[in-house]
Amino acid sequence: MFINDFFGFTTDDWEWSTGRISNGRMPFYARELQKELQKRADEGQPMLEDDGSYMQLGASYQVNYDNATENQN
């Protein structure tokens, strides 16, 4: 899983009661992930979901894939 690898998380870290990922830190993780996804898109190496679509985050953390599309043409 890309997110776990990127942040060094384990599956257990996602357990709200015992894991190290807290609700209060989610905006930080979302911003860091958005930066990485945007960097990869701008470099022409976008992250893809299993179905082949671009990996995308919630509305507040959208990744712009225009450069990825241009770099692939």
N, C-alpha and C. Protein backbone atom coordinates (compact mmCIF):
# COMPACT_ATOMS: atom_id res chain seq x y z
N MET A 1 0.84 -1.18 0.00
CA MET A 1 0.00 0.00 0.00
C MET A 1 0.89 1.24 0.00
N PHE A 2 0.68 2.10 -0.97
CA PHE A 2 1.52 3.28 -1.14
C PHE A 2 1.54 4.18 0.09
N ILE A 3 0.39 4.43 0.68
CA ILE A 3 0.32 5.36 1.82
C ILE A 3 1.12 4.82 2.99
N ASN A 4 0.96 3.54 3.29
CA ASN A 4 1.73 2.95 4.39
C ASN A 4 3.22 3.03 4.12
N ASP A 5 3.63 2.71 2.91
CA ASP A 5 5.05 2.77 2.56
C ASP A 5 5.59 4.20 2.64
N PHE A 6 4.82 5.15 2.15
CA PHE A 6 5.25 6.55 2.12
C PHE A 6 5.49 7.09 3.52
N PHE A 7 4.56 6.79 4.44
CA PHE A 7 4.65 7.31 5.80
C PHE A 7 5.34 6.35 6.78
N GLY A 8 5.59 5.12 6.36
CA GLY A 8 6.17 4.15 7.27
C GLY A 8 5.15 3.58 8.25
N PHE A 9 3.88 3.57 7.85
CA PHE A 9 2.82 3.03 8.70
C PHE A 9 2.72 1.52 8.54
N THR A 10 2.10 0.91 9.52
CA THR A 10 1.71 -0.49 9.43
C THR A 10 0.19 -0.55 9.46
N THR A 11 -0.36 -1.71 9.18
CA THR A 11 -1.81 -1.87 9.23
C THR A 11 -2.32 -1.56 10.63
N ASP A 12 -1.58 -1.94 11.64
CA ASP A 12 -1.99 -1.69 13.03
C ASP A 12 -2.06 -0.20 13.36
N ASP A 13 -1.27 0.61 12.68
CA ASP A 13 -1.28 2.06 12.94
C ASP A 13 -2.63 2.69 12.64
N TRP A 14 -3.45 2.04 11.83
CA TRP A 14 -4.75 2.59 11.45
C TRP A 14 -5.84 2.27 12.46
N GLU A 15 -5.54 1.52 13.49
CA GLU A 15 -6.52 1.24 14.56
C GLU A 15 -6.65 2.50 15.41
N TRP A 16 -7.83 3.11 15.41
CA TRP A 16 -8.02 4.39 16.10
C TRP A 16 -7.70 4.29 17.59
N SER A 17 -8.02 3.17 18.21
CA SER A 17 -7.84 3.07 19.65
C SER A 17 -6.40 2.79 20.06
N THR A 18 -5.62 2.17 19.19
CA THR A 18 -4.26 1.77 19.56
C THR A 18 -3.18 2.25 18.61
N GLY A 19 -3.55 2.72 17.44
CA GLY A 19 -2.56 3.09 16.43
C GLY A 19 -1.99 4.46 16.63
N ARG A 20 -1.01 4.78 15.81
CA ARG A 20 -0.35 6.08 15.94
C ARG A 20 -0.97 7.15 15.06
N ILE A 21 -1.94 6.80 14.25
CA ILE A 21 -2.61 7.77 13.40
C ILE A 21 -3.84 8.30 14.15
N SER A 22 -3.82 9.58 14.43
CA SER A 22 -4.95 10.18 15.15
C SER A 22 -5.74 11.07 14.20
N ASN A 23 -6.98 11.28 14.54
CA ASN A 23 -7.86 12.13 13.73
C ASN A 23 -7.28 13.53 13.60
N GLY A 24 -6.66 14.03 14.63
CA GLY A 24 -6.09 15.38 14.59
C GLY A 24 -4.91 15.52 13.65
N ARG A 25 -4.23 14.42 13.33
CA ARG A 25 -3.08 14.45 12.44
C ARG A 25 -3.45 14.21 10.98
N MET A 26 -4.69 13.83 10.72
CA MET A 26 -5.09 13.51 9.35
C MET A 26 -4.86 14.66 8.37
N PRO A 27 -5.15 15.92 8.72
CA PRO A 27 -4.87 17.00 7.76
C PRO A 27 -3.38 17.08 7.39
N PHE A 28 -2.50 16.86 8.36
CA PHE A 28 -1.06 16.86 8.06
C PHE A 28 -0.72 15.75 7.07
N TYR A 29 -1.20 14.54 7.34
CA TYR A 29 -0.91 13.43 6.44
C TYR A 29 -1.49 13.67 5.05
N ALA A 30 -2.68 14.25 4.99
CA ALA A 30 -3.31 14.53 3.70
C ALA A 30 -2.49 15.54 2.91
N ARG A 31 -2.00 16.60 3.58
CA ARG A 31 -1.19 17.60 2.89
C ARG A 31 0.13 17.01 2.39
N GLU A 32 0.77 16.20 3.22
CA GLU A 32 2.03 15.59 2.81
C GLU A 32 1.83 14.63 1.64
N LEU A 33 0.75 13.88 1.70
CA LEU A 33 0.44 12.96 0.61
C LEU A 33 0.10 13.73 -0.66
N GLN A 34 -0.65 14.81 -0.53
CA GLN A 34 -0.99 15.64 -1.68
C GLN A 34 0.27 16.20 -2.33
N LYS A 35 1.22 16.66 -1.53
CA LYS A 35 2.48 17.18 -2.07
C LYS A 35 3.22 16.11 -2.87
N GLU A 36 3.28 14.90 -2.32
CA GLU A 36 3.99 13.82 -3.01
C GLU A 36 3.28 13.42 -4.30
N LEU A 37 1.96 13.30 -4.25
CA LEU A 37 1.21 12.96 -5.45
C LEU A 37 1.36 14.04 -6.51
N GLN A 38 1.34 15.31 -6.09
CA GLN A 38 1.49 16.41 -7.04
C GLN A 38 2.88 16.39 -7.66
N LYS A 39 3.89 16.15 -6.85
CA LYS A 39 5.26 16.06 -7.36
C LYS A 39 5.37 14.97 -8.42
N ARG A 40 4.82 13.82 -8.13
CA ARG A 40 4.89 12.71 -9.09
C ARG A 40 4.10 13.04 -10.37
N ALA A 41 2.96 13.67 -10.21
CA ALA A 41 2.17 14.06 -11.38
C ALA A 41 2.95 15.06 -12.24
N ASP A 42 3.56 16.05 -11.60
CA ASP A 42 4.31 17.07 -12.33
C ASP A 42 5.53 16.48 -13.03
N GLU A 43 6.07 15.41 -12.48
CA GLU A 43 7.22 14.73 -13.09
C GLU A 43 6.80 13.74 -14.17
N GLY A 44 5.50 13.61 -14.40
CA GLY A 44 5.00 12.69 -15.41
C GLY A 44 4.94 11.24 -14.96
N GLN A 45 4.98 11.03 -13.65
CA GLN A 45 4.91 9.68 -13.11
C GLN A 45 3.81 9.61 -12.05
N PRO A 46 2.55 9.82 -12.46
CA PRO A 46 1.46 9.86 -11.49
C PRO A 46 1.20 8.51 -10.84
N MET A 47 0.71 8.56 -9.62
CA MET A 47 0.30 7.35 -8.92
C MET A 47 -1.07 6.94 -9.43
N LEU A 48 -1.23 5.67 -9.71
CA LEU A 48 -2.49 5.17 -10.23
C LEU A 48 -3.14 4.23 -9.23
N GLU A 49 -4.46 4.24 -9.23
CA GLU A 49 -5.24 3.28 -8.45
C GLU A 49 -5.22 1.94 -9.17
N ASP A 50 -5.72 0.91 -8.52
CA ASP A 50 -5.76 -0.42 -9.13
C ASP A 50 -6.54 -0.45 -10.44
N ASP A 51 -7.54 0.44 -10.56
CA ASP A 51 -8.35 0.47 -11.78
C ASP A 51 -7.74 1.32 -12.89
N GLY A 52 -6.55 1.87 -12.64
CA GLY A 52 -5.86 2.67 -13.65
C GLY A 52 -6.15 4.16 -13.57
N SER A 53 -7.07 4.57 -12.72
CA SER A 53 -7.36 5.99 -12.57
C SER A 53 -6.30 6.66 -11.70
N TYR A 54 -6.18 7.97 -11.84
CA TYR A 54 -5.22 8.71 -11.02
C TYR A 54 -5.63 8.65 -9.56
N MET A 55 -4.63 8.47 -8.66
CA MET A 55 -4.92 8.51 -7.23
C MET A 55 -5.31 9.93 -6.87
N GLN A 56 -6.43 10.08 -6.20
CA GLN A 56 -6.94 11.40 -5.87
C GLN A 56 -7.36 11.43 -4.42
N LEU A 57 -7.27 12.60 -3.83
CA LEU A 57 -7.65 12.82 -2.43
C LEU A 57 -8.94 13.61 -2.35
N GLY A 58 -9.39 13.87 -1.14
CA GLY A 58 -10.62 14.62 -0.93
C GLY A 58 -10.54 16.04 -1.49
N ALA A 59 -11.67 16.70 -1.52
CA ALA A 59 -11.80 18.01 -2.17
C ALA A 59 -10.78 19.04 -1.69
N SER A 60 -10.45 19.03 -0.42
CA SER A 60 -9.50 20.02 0.10
C SER A 60 -8.06 19.73 -0.27
N TYR A 61 -7.80 18.56 -0.82
CA TYR A 61 -6.42 18.12 -1.09
C TYR A 61 -6.28 17.57 -2.52
N GLN A 62 -7.02 18.13 -3.45
CA GLN A 62 -7.02 17.63 -4.82
C GLN A 62 -5.65 17.76 -5.47
N VAL A 63 -5.31 16.77 -6.27
CA VAL A 63 -4.07 16.77 -7.05
C VAL A 63 -4.44 17.17 -8.48
N ASN A 64 -3.66 18.08 -9.06
CA ASN A 64 -3.88 18.52 -10.43
C ASN A 64 -3.04 17.62 -11.34
N TYR A 65 -3.71 16.87 -12.19
CA TYR A 65 -3.02 15.94 -13.08
C TYR A 65 -2.86 16.48 -14.50
N ASP A 66 -3.06 17.77 -14.70
CA ASP A 66 -2.90 18.34 -16.05
C ASP A 66 -1.50 18.11 -16.60
N ASN A 67 -0.47 18.32 -15.78
CA ASN A 67 0.91 18.14 -16.25
C ASN A 67 1.19 16.68 -16.55
N ALA A 68 0.63 15.77 -15.78
CA ALA A 68 0.85 14.34 -16.02
C ALA A 68 0.28 13.96 -17.37
N THR A 69 -0.87 14.49 -17.70
CA THR A 69 -1.50 14.21 -18.98
C THR A 69 -0.67 14.77 -20.13
N GLU A 70 -0.17 16.00 -19.96
CA GLU A 70 0.66 16.64 -20.99
C GLU A 70 1.98 15.89 -21.17
N ASN A 71 2.57 15.42 -20.08
CA ASN A 71 3.86 14.73 -20.16
C ASN A 71 3.74 13.35 -20.77
N GLN A 72 2.55 12.78 -20.77
CA GLN A 72 2.36 11.45 -21.34
C GLN A 72 2.09 11.51 -22.84
N ASN A 73 1.75 12.69 -23.36
CA ASN A 73 1.47 12.83 -24.80
C ASN A 73 2.72 13.05 -25.59
